[in-house]
Amino acid sequence: MENFYLFVITCIFLIILPGPDTAIMTKNTLTVGKQGGFKTMIGICCALSIHTLTAIVGLSAIIVKSALLFSIFKYIGAVYLIYLGIKSLLTLRNQETAKTVVESKYKNRSSFKQGFLTNLLNPKIAVFFLTFLPQFVDPGSHTFMPFLMLGITYIVLTIVWYLFYIYLLNQISAFMKKPRTQKVIEGITGTILIGFGIKLALEKART
């Protein structure tokens, strides 16, 4: 591997940059609690593991080079993000108390699924792993172990950041869990997710 420390620093900035993962993490942590945040984080990291493995075996290259496959993957991800956004906005019409909403979300246990699918169905993540990781691997060496180590490093940094992020959100949860505040959170998050979904749908395939 080359410039490992530069890779770590770059990853930190990329991870803390807000995106669909951060939006769904924020929503689930504030509306469900720490358990919702942890389940979302585990889902995201499981999806990142799959992206790492697909980059290693070359499946990501097929997705990136095939405009059709990229488009299919992209639209599925876009539709899912828009679905989550609309679902969040629809809760604004729900007159149930915040406690009932939280209990319902616990019952459905969908935080892991939302984190997993939000990350997995984002083709830009596949593009990122395929184009970013090779920059830090010696062209003359075997790529399996370097790719694996870089992928694991990225996942570990993601876990560290989200653990801090969940802790930070939990510290202000008393205010954030007020019914009026939760409605604002649902509205903002829903709008952001729909925006990310539309942006993803308009993303052009890279050749």
C-alpha atoms as a PDB file:
ATOM      1  CA  MET A   1       0.000   0.000   0.000  1.00  0.00           C
ATOM      2  CA  GLU A   2       1.101   3.552  -0.714  1.00  0.00           C
ATOM      3  CA  ASN A   3       0.457   6.735   1.301  1.00  0.00           C
ATOM      4  CA  PHE A   4      -1.629   4.926   3.913  1.00  0.00           C
ATOM      5  CA  TYR A   5      -1.796   7.915   6.236  1.00  0.00           C
ATOM      6  CA  LEU A   6      -2.999  10.117   3.397  1.00  0.00           C
ATOM      7  CA  PHE A   7      -5.662   7.484   2.706  1.00  0.00           C
ATOM      8  CA  VAL A   8      -6.799   7.643   6.356  1.00  0.00           C
ATOM      9  CA  ILE A   9      -6.985  11.438   6.373  1.00  0.00           C
ATOM     10  CA  THR A  10      -8.897  11.502   3.087  1.00  0.00           C
ATOM     11  CA  CYS A  11     -11.314   8.857   4.350  1.00  0.00           C
ATOM     12  CA  ILE A  12     -12.060  10.855   7.496  1.00  0.00           C
ATOM     13  CA  PHE A  13     -13.112  13.884   5.443  1.00  0.00           C
ATOM     14  CA  LEU A  14     -15.163  11.744   3.074  1.00  0.00           C
ATOM     15  CA  ILE A  15     -16.932   9.910   5.904  1.00  0.00           C
ATOM     16  CA  ILE A  16     -17.982  13.028   7.810  1.00  0.00           C
ATOM     17  CA  LEU A  17     -19.244  14.648   4.596  1.00  0.00           C
ATOM     18  CA  PRO A  18     -23.067  14.572   4.843  1.00  0.00           C
ATOM     19  CA  GLY A  19     -24.850  12.187   2.485  1.00  0.00           C
ATOM     20  CA  PRO A  20     -27.738   9.701   2.415  1.00  0.00           C
ATOM     21  CA  ASP A  21     -26.067   7.520   5.067  1.00  0.00           C
ATOM     22  CA  THR A  22     -25.748  10.454   7.449  1.00  0.00           C
ATOM     23  CA  ALA A  23     -29.348  11.500   6.805  1.00  0.00           C
ATOM     24  CA  ILE A  24     -30.788   8.085   7.615  1.00  0.00           C
ATOM     25  CA  MET A  25     -28.432   7.713  10.588  1.00  0.00           C
ATOM     26  CA  THR A  26     -29.599  11.043  12.014  1.00  0.00           C
ATOM     27  CA  LYS A  27     -33.249  10.214  11.531  1.00  0.00           C
ATOM     28  CA  ASN A  28     -33.080   6.759  13.106  1.00  0.00           C
ATOM     29  CA  THR A  29     -30.941   7.863  16.043  1.00  0.00           C
ATOM     30  CA  LEU A  30     -33.178  10.784  16.939  1.00  0.00           C
ATOM     31  CA  THR A  31     -36.497   9.016  16.423  1.00  0.00           C
ATOM     32  CA  VAL A  32     -35.622   5.519  17.667  1.00  0.00           C
ATOM     33  CA  GLY A  33     -32.677   6.110  19.986  1.00  0.00           C
ATOM     34  CA  LYS A  34     -29.172   4.699  20.318  1.00  0.00           C
ATOM     35  CA  GLN A  35     -30.304   1.226  19.317  1.00  0.00           C
ATOM     36  CA  GLY A  36     -31.720   2.604  16.084  1.00  0.00           C
ATOM     37  CA  GLY A  37     -28.433   4.397  15.421  1.00  0.00           C
ATOM     38  CA  PHE A  38     -26.368   1.298  16.159  1.00  0.00           C
ATOM     39  CA  LYS A  39     -28.530  -0.898  13.907  1.00  0.00           C
ATOM     40  CA  THR A  40     -28.286   1.665  11.108  1.00  0.00           C
ATOM     41  CA  MET A  41     -24.503   1.814  11.519  1.00  0.00           C
ATOM     42  CA  ILE A  42     -24.223  -1.990  11.371  1.00  0.00           C
ATOM     43  CA  GLY A  43     -26.374  -2.028   8.236  1.00  0.00           C
ATOM     44  CA  ILE A  44     -24.198   0.611   6.570  1.00  0.00           C
ATOM     45  CA  CYS A  45     -20.999  -1.240   7.483  1.00  0.00           C
ATOM     46  CA  CYS A  46     -22.361  -4.558   6.184  1.00  0.00           C
ATOM     47  CA  ALA A  47     -23.113  -2.846   2.866  1.00  0.00           C
ATOM     48  CA  LEU A  48     -19.626  -1.319   2.829  1.00  0.00           C
ATOM     49  CA  SER A  49     -18.199  -4.816   3.335  1.00  0.00           C
ATOM     50  CA  ILE A  50     -20.080  -5.992   0.262  1.00  0.00           C
ATOM     51  CA  HIS A  51     -18.810  -3.010  -1.741  1.00  0.00           C
ATOM     52  CA  THR A  52     -15.270  -3.848  -0.663  1.00  0.00           C
ATOM     53  CA  LEU A  53     -15.590  -7.481  -1.712  1.00  0.00           C
ATOM     54  CA  THR A  54     -17.206  -6.613  -5.043  1.00  0.00           C
ATOM     55  CA  ALA A  55     -14.406  -4.140  -5.754  1.00  0.00           C
ATOM     56  CA  ILE A  56     -11.875  -6.886  -5.027  1.00  0.00           C
ATOM     57  CA  VAL A  57     -13.475  -9.430  -7.359  1.00  0.00           C
ATOM     58  CA  GLY A  58     -14.192  -6.846 -10.046  1.00  0.00           C
ATOM     59  CA  LEU A  59     -17.979  -6.772  -9.972  1.00  0.00           C
ATOM     60  CA  SER A  60     -17.917  -3.043  -9.319  1.00  0.00           C
ATOM     61  CA  ALA A  61     -15.931  -2.604 -12.533  1.00  0.00           C
ATOM     62  CA  ILE A  62     -18.709  -4.334 -14.450  1.00  0.00           C
ATOM     63  CA  ILE A  63     -21.336  -2.056 -12.898  1.00  0.00           C
ATOM     64  CA  VAL A  64     -19.318   1.094 -13.618  1.00  0.00           C
ATOM     65  CA  LYS A  65     -18.460   0.141 -17.210  1.00  0.00           C
ATOM     66  CA  SER A  66     -21.972  -1.023 -18.105  1.00  0.00           C
ATOM     67  CA  ALA A  67     -24.278   1.964 -18.561  1.00  0.00           C
ATOM     68  CA  LEU A  68     -27.325  -0.333 -18.346  1.00  0.00           C
ATOM     69  CA  LEU A  69     -26.307  -2.001 -15.082  1.00  0.00           C
ATOM     70  CA  PHE A  70     -25.248   1.320 -13.605  1.00  0.00           C
ATOM     71  CA  SER A  71     -28.628   2.828 -14.523  1.00  0.00           C
ATOM     72  CA  ILE A  72     -30.594  -0.088 -13.090  1.00  0.00           C
ATOM     73  CA  PHE A  73     -28.616   0.012  -9.851  1.00  0.00           C
ATOM     74  CA  LYS A  74     -28.883   3.793  -9.726  1.00  0.00           C
ATOM     75  CA  TYR A  75     -32.651   3.973 -10.204  1.00  0.00           C
ATOM     76  CA  ILE A  76     -33.312   1.256  -7.648  1.00  0.00           C
ATOM     77  CA  GLY A  77     -31.265   3.224  -5.133  1.00  0.00           C
ATOM     78  CA  ALA A  78     -32.937   6.506  -6.098  1.00  0.00           C
ATOM     79  CA  VAL A  79     -36.420   5.030  -5.740  1.00  0.00           C
ATOM     80  CA  TYR A  80     -35.538   3.636  -2.315  1.00  0.00           C
ATOM     81  CA  LEU A  81     -34.206   6.991  -1.074  1.00  0.00           C
ATOM     82  CA  ILE A  82     -37.301   8.787  -2.369  1.00  0.00           C
ATOM     83  CA  TYR A  83     -39.472   6.127  -0.709  1.00  0.00           C
ATOM     84  CA  LEU A  84     -37.750   6.736   2.634  1.00  0.00           C
ATOM     85  CA  GLY A  85     -38.136  10.487   2.174  1.00  0.00           C
ATOM     86  CA  ILE A  86     -41.845  10.258   1.384  1.00  0.00           C
ATOM     87  CA  LYS A  87     -42.322   7.864   4.297  1.00  0.00           C
ATOM     88  CA  SER A  88     -40.723  10.421   6.614  1.00  0.00           C
ATOM     89  CA  LEU A  89     -42.874  13.245   5.273  1.00  0.00           C
ATOM     90  CA  LEU A  90     -46.034  11.171   5.688  1.00  0.00           C
ATOM     91  CA  THR A  91     -45.344  10.856   9.403  1.00  0.00           C
ATOM     92  CA  LEU A  92     -45.976  14.598   9.656  1.00  0.00           C
ATOM     93  CA  ARG A  93     -49.661  13.802   9.092  1.00  0.00           C
ATOM     94  CA  ASN A  94     -49.633  11.245  11.887  1.00  0.00           C
ATOM     95  CA  GLN A  95     -51.145  12.607  15.089  1.00  0.00           C
ATOM     96  CA  GLU A  96     -49.773   9.825  17.323  1.00  0.00           C
ATOM     97  CA  THR A  97     -47.439  10.731  20.171  1.00  0.00           C
ATOM     98  CA  ALA A  98     -43.689  10.494  19.804  1.00  0.00           C
ATOM     99  CA  LYS A  99     -43.702   7.488  22.151  1.00  0.00           C
ATOM    100  CA  THR A 100     -46.064   5.560  19.900  1.00  0.00           C
ATOM    101  CA  VAL A 101     -43.965   6.402  16.862  1.00  0.00           C
ATOM    102  CA  VAL A 102     -40.828   5.167  18.586  1.00  0.00           C
ATOM    103  CA  GLU A 103     -42.502   1.935  19.733  1.00  0.00           C
ATOM    104  CA  SER A 104     -43.770   1.317  16.218  1.00  0.00           C
ATOM    105  CA  LYS A 105     -40.283   1.774  14.778  1.00  0.00           C
ATOM    106  CA  TYR A 106     -38.828  -0.612  17.365  1.00  0.00           C
ATOM    107  CA  LYS A 107     -41.452  -3.151  16.435  1.00  0.00           C
ATOM    108  CA  ASN A 108     -40.617  -2.925  12.750  1.00  0.00           C
ATOM    109  CA  ARG A 109     -36.880  -3.081  13.438  1.00  0.00           C
ATOM    110  CA  SER A 110     -36.159  -1.495  10.081  1.00  0.00           C
ATOM    111  CA  SER A 111     -33.141   0.603  11.057  1.00  0.00           C
ATOM    112  CA  PHE A 112     -30.642  -2.054   9.978  1.00  0.00           C
ATOM    113  CA  LYS A 113     -32.457  -2.591   6.687  1.00  0.00           C
ATOM    114  CA  GLN A 114     -32.638   1.127   5.957  1.00  0.00           C
ATOM    115  CA  GLY A 115     -28.930   1.647   6.631  1.00  0.00           C
ATOM    116  CA  PHE A 116     -27.988  -1.453   4.630  1.00  0.00           C
ATOM    117  CA  LEU A 117     -30.103  -0.704   1.560  1.00  0.00           C
ATOM    118  CA  THR A 118     -29.375   3.039   1.533  1.00  0.00           C
ATOM    119  CA  ASN A 119     -25.655   2.304   1.242  1.00  0.00           C
ATOM    120  CA  LEU A 120     -25.826  -0.856  -0.869  1.00  0.00           C
ATOM    121  CA  LEU A 121     -28.132   0.626  -3.521  1.00  0.00           C
ATOM    122  CA  ASN A 122     -25.983   3.714  -4.003  1.00  0.00           C
ATOM    123  CA  PRO A 123     -23.863   3.017  -7.129  1.00  0.00           C
ATOM    124  CA  LYS A 124     -21.693   6.020  -6.314  1.00  0.00           C
ATOM    125  CA  ILE A 125     -20.283   3.960  -3.438  1.00  0.00           C
ATOM    126  CA  ALA A 126     -19.269   1.226  -5.901  1.00  0.00           C
ATOM    127  CA  VAL A 127     -17.676   3.859  -8.128  1.00  0.00           C
ATOM    128  CA  PHE A 128     -15.895   5.329  -5.113  1.00  0.00           C
ATOM    129  CA  PHE A 129     -14.370   2.015  -4.042  1.00  0.00           C
ATOM    130  CA  LEU A 130     -13.297   1.132  -7.555  1.00  0.00           C
ATOM    131  CA  THR A 131     -11.717   4.501  -8.349  1.00  0.00           C
ATOM    132  CA  PHE A 132     -10.473   5.612  -4.920  1.00  0.00           C
ATOM    133  CA  LEU A 133      -8.847   2.492  -3.470  1.00  0.00           C
ATOM    134  CA  PRO A 134      -6.499   1.829  -6.437  1.00  0.00           C
ATOM    135  CA  GLN A 135      -4.880   5.235  -5.857  1.00  0.00           C
ATOM    136  CA  PHE A 136      -3.255   3.811  -2.731  1.00  0.00           C
ATOM    137  CA  VAL A 137      -2.165   0.410  -4.057  1.00  0.00           C
ATOM    138  CA  ASP A 138       1.150  -0.369  -5.720  1.00  0.00           C
ATOM    139  CA  PRO A 139       0.310  -1.244  -9.369  1.00  0.00           C
ATOM    140  CA  GLY A 140       2.932  -3.975  -9.381  1.00  0.00           C
ATOM    141  CA  SER A 141       1.537  -5.844  -6.375  1.00  0.00           C
ATOM    142  CA  HIS A 142      -1.378  -8.217  -5.907  1.00  0.00           C
ATOM    143  CA  THR A 143      -4.490  -6.196  -5.148  1.00  0.00           C
ATOM    144  CA  PHE A 144      -6.455  -8.615  -2.942  1.00  0.00           C
ATOM    145  CA  MET A 145      -4.822  -7.944   0.439  1.00  0.00           C
ATOM    146  CA  PRO A 146      -4.203  -4.191  -0.112  1.00  0.00           C
ATOM    147  CA  PHE A 147      -7.825  -3.689  -1.230  1.00  0.00           C
ATOM    148  CA  LEU A 148      -9.031  -5.726   1.731  1.00  0.00           C
ATOM    149  CA  MET A 149      -6.951  -3.750   4.226  1.00  0.00           C
ATOM    150  CA  LEU A 150      -8.020  -0.408   2.750  1.00  0.00           C
ATOM    151  CA  GLY A 151     -11.660  -1.478   2.770  1.00  0.00           C
ATOM    152  CA  ILE A 152     -11.423  -2.637   6.397  1.00  0.00           C
ATOM    153  CA  THR A 153      -9.726   0.642   7.331  1.00  0.00           C
ATOM    154  CA  TYR A 154     -12.535   2.630   5.734  1.00  0.00           C
ATOM    155  CA  ILE A 155     -15.163   0.569   7.567  1.00  0.00           C
ATOM    156  CA  VAL A 156     -13.382   0.945  10.930  1.00  0.00           C
ATOM    157  CA  LEU A 157     -13.140   4.722  10.462  1.00  0.00           C
ATOM    158  CA  THR A 158     -16.835   4.770   9.564  1.00  0.00           C
ATOM    159  CA  ILE A 159     -17.682   2.903  12.778  1.00  0.00           C
ATOM    160  CA  VAL A 160     -15.568   5.274  14.900  1.00  0.00           C
ATOM    161  CA  TRP A 161     -17.217   8.349  13.367  1.00  0.00           C
ATOM    162  CA  TYR A 162     -20.761   7.037  13.691  1.00  0.00           C
ATOM    163  CA  LEU A 163     -20.217   5.921  17.301  1.00  0.00           C
ATOM    164  CA  PHE A 164     -19.175   9.488  18.089  1.00  0.00           C
ATOM    165  CA  TYR A 165     -22.062  10.862  16.024  1.00  0.00           C
ATOM    166  CA  ILE A 166     -24.615   8.623  17.758  1.00  0.00           C
ATOM    167  CA  TYR A 167     -23.232   9.622  21.173  1.00  0.00           C
ATOM    168  CA  LEU A 168     -23.437  13.306  20.224  1.00  0.00           C
ATOM    169  CA  LEU A 169     -27.021  13.004  19.024  1.00  0.00           C
ATOM    170  CA  ASN A 170     -27.986  11.029  22.103  1.00  0.00           C
ATOM    171  CA  GLN A 171     -26.650  13.809  24.334  1.00  0.00           C
ATOM    172  CA  ILE A 172     -29.182  16.225  22.881  1.00  0.00           C
ATOM    173  CA  SER A 173     -31.938  13.613  22.549  1.00  0.00           C
ATOM    174  CA  ALA A 174     -34.080  15.110  25.334  1.00  0.00           C
ATOM    175  CA  PHE A 175     -34.700  18.177  23.207  1.00  0.00           C
ATOM    176  CA  MET A 176     -34.703  16.310  19.910  1.00  0.00           C
ATOM    177  CA  LYS A 177     -37.326  13.792  21.074  1.00  0.00           C
ATOM    178  CA  LYS A 178     -39.967  16.426  21.729  1.00  0.00           C
ATOM    179  CA  PRO A 179     -42.977  15.767  19.434  1.00  0.00           C
ATOM    180  CA  ARG A 180     -42.647  19.126  17.691  1.00  0.00           C
ATOM    181  CA  THR A 181     -38.903  18.657  17.188  1.00  0.00           C
ATOM    182  CA  GLN A 182     -39.412  15.139  15.832  1.00  0.00           C
ATOM    183  CA  LYS A 183     -41.876  16.442  13.274  1.00  0.00           C
ATOM    184  CA  VAL A 184     -39.309  18.988  12.129  1.00  0.00           C
ATOM    185  CA  ILE A 185     -36.664  16.236  11.945  1.00  0.00           C
ATOM    186  CA  GLU A 186     -38.967  13.993   9.910  1.00  0.00           C
ATOM    187  CA  GLY A 187     -39.775  16.843   7.536  1.00  0.00           C
ATOM    188  CA  ILE A 188     -36.166  17.937   7.019  1.00  0.00           C
ATOM    189  CA  THR A 189     -34.863  14.369   6.701  1.00  0.00           C
ATOM    190  CA  GLY A 190     -37.643  13.397   4.324  1.00  0.00           C
ATOM    191  CA  THR A 191     -36.900  16.372   2.097  1.00  0.00           C
ATOM    192  CA  ILE A 192     -33.153  15.653   2.162  1.00  0.00           C
ATOM    193  CA  LEU A 193     -33.643  11.974   1.289  1.00  0.00           C
ATOM    194  CA  ILE A 194     -35.940  12.831  -1.604  1.00  0.00           C
ATOM    195  CA  GLY A 195     -33.351  15.356  -2.781  1.00  0.00           C
ATOM    196  CA  PHE A 196     -30.585  12.746  -2.615  1.00  0.00           C
ATOM    197  CA  GLY A 197     -32.814  10.292  -4.470  1.00  0.00           C
ATOM    198  CA  ILE A 198     -33.502  12.760  -7.289  1.00  0.00           C
ATOM    199  CA  LYS A 199     -29.820  13.693  -7.452  1.00  0.00           C
ATOM    200  CA  LEU A 200     -28.875  10.026  -7.671  1.00  0.00           C
ATOM    201  CA  ALA A 201     -31.450   9.399 -10.414  1.00  0.00           C
ATOM    202  CA  LEU A 202     -29.955  12.241 -12.462  1.00  0.00           C
ATOM    203  CA  GLU A 203     -26.400  10.993 -11.964  1.00  0.00           C
ATOM    204  CA  LYS A 204     -24.837  10.027 -15.282  1.00  0.00           C
ATOM    205  CA  ALA A 205     -23.030   6.733 -15.689  1.00  0.00           C
ATOM    206  CA  ARG A 206     -19.255   7.061 -15.891  1.00  0.00           C
ATOM    207  CA  THR A 207     -17.398   5.386 -18.661  1.00  0.00           C
END
